[in-house]
Amino acid sequence: MWPFNWHSKAQHDDQAADEDNDVMTLKLSWSSSVIVQGFSLDARIGNHTIGRAHGTYETGIAFRLTRIDVLDPYKNNGYGKIMIHTLVGAAKKQKCPEFIIEGVSDSNTDAIRLYTRLGAHPVTPRLGKDKTDYRLLI
């Protein structure tokens, strides 16, 4: 299922002029230790890394997105949404009923708007007091 390609409509000036400019490639990687299970997601268009995400999960319990970043020239083109949808699919595969986006700054209104459009609701943060977590039941 992963990695897979997503064809976008957006083109950017800093991309090389090749036939793969509009193909978004996502690579989901899993890691595990005695203490924690983790994941990372890399998003690329052509030869350019445009975004990354990582977090932890407990199979059957919760999938926690600790950080997601999309480079400024690629923001507001739907790439973050595609990345989150991919991670929600991964959470379902791990049988996690909760998808939690951790540590969202209240000033990050674009991200909050995206998360709420996807059906996530603010919850008390697990870590820190100056940020909010968002929970999506899946």
C-alpha atoms as a PDB file:
ATOM      1  CA  MET A   1       0.000   0.000   0.000  1.00  0.00           C
ATOM      2  CA  TRP A   2       2.862   2.433   0.759  1.00  0.00           C
ATOM      3  CA  PRO A   3       4.666   4.146  -0.832  1.00  0.00           C
ATOM      4  CA  PHE A   4       2.242   5.401  -3.436  1.00  0.00           C
ATOM      5  CA  ASN A   5       2.034   8.277  -5.879  1.00  0.00           C
ATOM      6  CA  TRP A   6      -0.455  11.117  -5.869  1.00  0.00           C
ATOM      7  CA  HIS A   7      -0.864  13.342  -8.920  1.00  0.00           C
ATOM      8  CA  SER A   8      -1.320  16.971  -7.991  1.00  0.00           C
ATOM      9  CA  LYS A   9      -2.405  19.937 -10.064  1.00  0.00           C
ATOM     10  CA  ALA A  10       0.083  22.313  -8.470  1.00  0.00           C
ATOM     11  CA  GLN A  11       3.430  23.119 -10.066  1.00  0.00           C
ATOM     12  CA  HIS A  12       6.160  25.166  -8.426  1.00  0.00           C
ATOM     13  CA  ASP A  13       8.907  27.360  -9.856  1.00  0.00           C
ATOM     14  CA  ASP A  14      11.699  25.614  -7.940  1.00  0.00           C
ATOM     15  CA  GLN A  15      10.964  22.173  -9.375  1.00  0.00           C
ATOM     16  CA  ALA A  16      13.071  20.630 -12.108  1.00  0.00           C
ATOM     17  CA  ALA A  17      11.336  20.509 -15.474  1.00  0.00           C
ATOM     18  CA  ASP A  18      10.736  16.809 -15.805  1.00  0.00           C
ATOM     19  CA  GLU A  19       7.743  14.584 -16.318  1.00  0.00           C
ATOM     20  CA  ASP A  20       7.458  13.750 -12.602  1.00  0.00           C
ATOM     21  CA  ASN A  21       6.996  17.345 -11.382  1.00  0.00           C
ATOM     22  CA  ASP A  22       3.385  16.753 -10.473  1.00  0.00           C
ATOM     23  CA  VAL A  23       3.780  13.350  -8.812  1.00  0.00           C
ATOM     24  CA  MET A  24       3.741  13.302  -5.036  1.00  0.00           C
ATOM     25  CA  THR A  25       5.485  10.243  -3.632  1.00  0.00           C
ATOM     26  CA  LEU A  26       4.864   9.254  -0.026  1.00  0.00           C
ATOM     27  CA  LYS A  27       7.090   6.858   1.869  1.00  0.00           C
ATOM     28  CA  LEU A  28       5.838   5.549   5.187  1.00  0.00           C
ATOM     29  CA  SER A  29       8.439   3.919   7.438  1.00  0.00           C
ATOM     30  CA  TRP A  30       7.931   2.007  10.672  1.00  0.00           C
ATOM     31  CA  SER A  31      10.315   1.712  13.619  1.00  0.00           C
ATOM     32  CA  SER A  32      10.133  -0.183  16.862  1.00  0.00           C
ATOM     33  CA  SER A  33      12.017  -0.423  20.115  1.00  0.00           C
ATOM     34  CA  VAL A  34      11.370  -2.002  23.477  1.00  0.00           C
ATOM     35  CA  ILE A  35       9.753   1.235  24.649  1.00  0.00           C
ATOM     36  CA  VAL A  36       7.928   2.715  21.660  1.00  0.00           C
ATOM     37  CA  GLN A  37       6.673   2.034  18.146  1.00  0.00           C
ATOM     38  CA  GLY A  38       7.144   4.873  15.693  1.00  0.00           C
ATOM     39  CA  PHE A  39       6.469   5.973  12.156  1.00  0.00           C
ATOM     40  CA  SER A  40       7.722   8.589   9.743  1.00  0.00           C
ATOM     41  CA  LEU A  41       6.312   9.822   6.457  1.00  0.00           C
ATOM     42  CA  ASP A  42       8.326  11.587   3.776  1.00  0.00           C
ATOM     43  CA  ALA A  43       6.560  13.470   0.986  1.00  0.00           C
ATOM     44  CA  ARG A  44       8.400  14.240  -2.240  1.00  0.00           C
ATOM     45  CA  ILE A  45       7.609  15.854  -5.556  1.00  0.00           C
ATOM     46  CA  GLY A  46      10.162  14.844  -8.140  1.00  0.00           C
ATOM     47  CA  ASN A  47      13.527  15.131  -6.377  1.00  0.00           C
ATOM     48  CA  HIS A  48      12.264  17.604  -3.761  1.00  0.00           C
ATOM     49  CA  THR A  49      11.283  16.702  -0.218  1.00  0.00           C
ATOM     50  CA  ILE A  50       8.240  18.860   0.432  1.00  0.00           C
ATOM     51  CA  GLY A  51       7.047  17.506   3.756  1.00  0.00           C
ATOM     52  CA  ARG A  52       7.674  15.187   6.665  1.00  0.00           C
ATOM     53  CA  ALA A  53       5.667  13.777   9.522  1.00  0.00           C
ATOM     54  CA  HIS A  54       6.460  11.497  12.442  1.00  0.00           C
ATOM     55  CA  GLY A  55       4.986  10.144  15.619  1.00  0.00           C
ATOM     56  CA  THR A  56       4.284   7.073  17.709  1.00  0.00           C
ATOM     57  CA  TYR A  57       1.557   4.479  17.983  1.00  0.00           C
ATOM     58  CA  GLU A  58       0.274   1.742  20.243  1.00  0.00           C
ATOM     59  CA  THR A  59      -1.400  -0.948  18.161  1.00  0.00           C
ATOM     60  CA  GLY A  60      -5.089  -1.110  18.984  1.00  0.00           C
ATOM     61  CA  ILE A  61      -4.941   1.995  21.189  1.00  0.00           C
ATOM     62  CA  ALA A  62      -3.789   5.290  19.628  1.00  0.00           C
ATOM     63  CA  PHE A  63      -1.841   6.701  16.705  1.00  0.00           C
ATOM     64  CA  ARG A  64      -0.100   9.967  17.695  1.00  0.00           C
ATOM     65  CA  LEU A  65       1.107  12.457  15.117  1.00  0.00           C
ATOM     66  CA  THR A  66       3.857  14.359  16.904  1.00  0.00           C
ATOM     67  CA  ARG A  67       4.909  16.609  14.028  1.00  0.00           C
ATOM     68  CA  ILE A  68       3.906  17.357  10.465  1.00  0.00           C
ATOM     69  CA  ASP A  69       5.643  19.921   8.265  1.00  0.00           C
ATOM     70  CA  VAL A  70       5.062  21.015   4.684  1.00  0.00           C
ATOM     71  CA  LEU A  71       7.538  23.479   3.168  1.00  0.00           C
ATOM     72  CA  ASP A  72       6.138  26.986   2.653  1.00  0.00           C
ATOM     73  CA  PRO A  73       6.059  26.946  -1.176  1.00  0.00           C
ATOM     74  CA  TYR A  74       3.894  23.800  -1.027  1.00  0.00           C
ATOM     75  CA  LYS A  75       1.453  24.843   1.688  1.00  0.00           C
ATOM     76  CA  ASN A  76      -2.238  25.344   0.898  1.00  0.00           C
ATOM     77  CA  ASN A  77      -2.134  22.930  -2.038  1.00  0.00           C
ATOM     78  CA  GLY A  78      -3.622  19.922  -0.245  1.00  0.00           C
ATOM     79  CA  TYR A  79      -0.341  18.114   0.454  1.00  0.00           C
ATOM     80  CA  GLY A  80      -0.777  18.185   4.241  1.00  0.00           C
ATOM     81  CA  LYS A  81      -4.281  16.798   3.842  1.00  0.00           C
ATOM     82  CA  ILE A  82      -2.972  13.966   1.665  1.00  0.00           C
ATOM     83  CA  MET A  83      -0.286  13.218   4.245  1.00  0.00           C
ATOM     84  CA  ILE A  84      -2.833  13.104   7.077  1.00  0.00           C
ATOM     85  CA  HIS A  85      -5.184  10.873   5.075  1.00  0.00           C
ATOM     86  CA  THR A  86      -2.266   8.513   4.481  1.00  0.00           C
ATOM     87  CA  LEU A  87      -1.479   8.438   8.193  1.00  0.00           C
ATOM     88  CA  VAL A  88      -5.127   7.862   9.113  1.00  0.00           C
ATOM     89  CA  GLY A  89      -5.039   4.867   6.766  1.00  0.00           C
ATOM     90  CA  ALA A  90      -1.913   3.642   8.546  1.00  0.00           C
ATOM     91  CA  ALA A  91      -3.658   4.088  11.918  1.00  0.00           C
ATOM     92  CA  LYS A  92      -6.572   1.989  10.672  1.00  0.00           C
ATOM     93  CA  LYS A  93      -4.138  -0.694   9.552  1.00  0.00           C
ATOM     94  CA  GLN A  94      -2.710  -0.725  13.093  1.00  0.00           C
ATOM     95  CA  LYS A  95      -6.275  -0.999  14.437  1.00  0.00           C
ATOM     96  CA  CYS A  96      -5.958   2.275  16.337  1.00  0.00           C
ATOM     97  CA  PRO A  97      -9.376   3.769  17.137  1.00  0.00           C
ATOM     98  CA  GLU A  98      -7.871   7.196  17.882  1.00  0.00           C
ATOM     99  CA  PHE A  99      -5.737   9.449  15.703  1.00  0.00           C
ATOM    100  CA  ILE A 100      -4.252  12.226  17.836  1.00  0.00           C
ATOM    101  CA  ILE A 101      -2.438  15.271  16.476  1.00  0.00           C
ATOM    102  CA  GLU A 102      -0.253  16.466  19.327  1.00  0.00           C
ATOM    103  CA  GLY A 103       0.957  19.913  20.320  1.00  0.00           C
ATOM    104  CA  VAL A 104      -0.884  22.189  17.891  1.00  0.00           C
ATOM    105  CA  SER A 105      -0.165  25.855  18.508  1.00  0.00           C
ATOM    106  CA  ASP A 106      -3.298  27.975  18.892  1.00  0.00           C
ATOM    107  CA  SER A 107      -1.765  30.453  16.439  1.00  0.00           C
ATOM    108  CA  ASN A 108      -1.548  27.823  13.680  1.00  0.00           C
ATOM    109  CA  THR A 109      -4.996  28.621  12.308  1.00  0.00           C
ATOM    110  CA  ASP A 110      -4.449  26.968   8.907  1.00  0.00           C
ATOM    111  CA  ALA A 111      -3.594  23.650  10.568  1.00  0.00           C
ATOM    112  CA  ILE A 112      -6.481  23.916  13.023  1.00  0.00           C
ATOM    113  CA  ARG A 113      -8.890  24.597  10.163  1.00  0.00           C
ATOM    114  CA  LEU A 114      -7.603  21.496   8.314  1.00  0.00           C
ATOM    115  CA  TYR A 115      -7.825  19.262  11.379  1.00  0.00           C
ATOM    116  CA  THR A 116     -11.363  20.356  12.201  1.00  0.00           C
ATOM    117  CA  ARG A 117     -12.466  19.904   8.577  1.00  0.00           C
ATOM    118  CA  LEU A 118     -11.178  16.346   8.808  1.00  0.00           C
ATOM    119  CA  GLY A 119     -13.374  15.824  11.879  1.00  0.00           C
ATOM    120  CA  ALA A 120     -10.798  16.226  14.657  1.00  0.00           C
ATOM    121  CA  HIS A 121     -11.802  17.896  17.909  1.00  0.00           C
ATOM    122  CA  PRO A 122      -9.597  19.732  20.423  1.00  0.00           C
ATOM    123  CA  VAL A 123      -8.720  17.816  23.578  1.00  0.00           C
ATOM    124  CA  THR A 124      -6.578  18.510  26.624  1.00  0.00           C
ATOM    125  CA  PRO A 125      -2.933  18.173  25.596  1.00  0.00           C
ATOM    126  CA  ARG A 126      -0.960  15.205  26.839  1.00  0.00           C
ATOM    127  CA  LEU A 127       2.240  17.279  26.945  1.00  0.00           C
ATOM    128  CA  GLY A 128       2.611  20.997  27.559  1.00  0.00           C
ATOM    129  CA  LYS A 129       0.027  23.591  28.454  1.00  0.00           C
ATOM    130  CA  ASP A 130       0.443  26.186  25.722  1.00  0.00           C
ATOM    131  CA  LYS A 131      -0.732  23.911  22.898  1.00  0.00           C
ATOM    132  CA  THR A 132      -3.776  21.800  22.065  1.00  0.00           C
ATOM    133  CA  ASP A 133      -4.092  18.206  20.891  1.00  0.00           C
ATOM    134  CA  TYR A 134      -6.697  17.261  18.282  1.00  0.00           C
ATOM    135  CA  ARG A 135      -8.400  13.867  18.317  1.00  0.00           C
ATOM    136  CA  LEU A 136     -10.055  12.081  15.430  1.00  0.00           C
ATOM    137  CA  LEU A 137     -11.982   8.891  16.155  1.00  0.00           C
ATOM    138  CA  ILE A 138     -11.492   6.397  13.336  1.00  0.00           C
END
